[in-house]
Amino acid sequence: MATFTTVKVSTETRDRLKKRADEGHFSSIDAYLDDLIRREDRAKRLAEFRDVMSRVTPEEWSDYMSEVSAWDATLMDGLDPDEKWNEA
């Protein structure tokens, strides 16, 4: 079970958070804030990824695509794509 604490915010901020949580069909302000944090974390990771990718040289990209191409060959490994698996 989660434990809770108090966070001091102005009444105006609390009301705005409550309104946004209600509009977003969140069960609580906590759920809304958790969603906001997750979205921000994801946006940060994507921004970092874009930054790294912007610095990739054409040679590095070519090397990467060669490696991907080699692995793509394993997709045609003779397995039946329609085979049903019974995972217990």
Foldseek 3Di string as FASTA:
>chain_A
DDDDDDDDDDPVVVVVLQVVCVVVVHPDSVRVVVVVVVVVVVVVVVVVVVVVVVPQDPVNVVVVVVVVVVVVVCVPVPDDPPDDDDDD
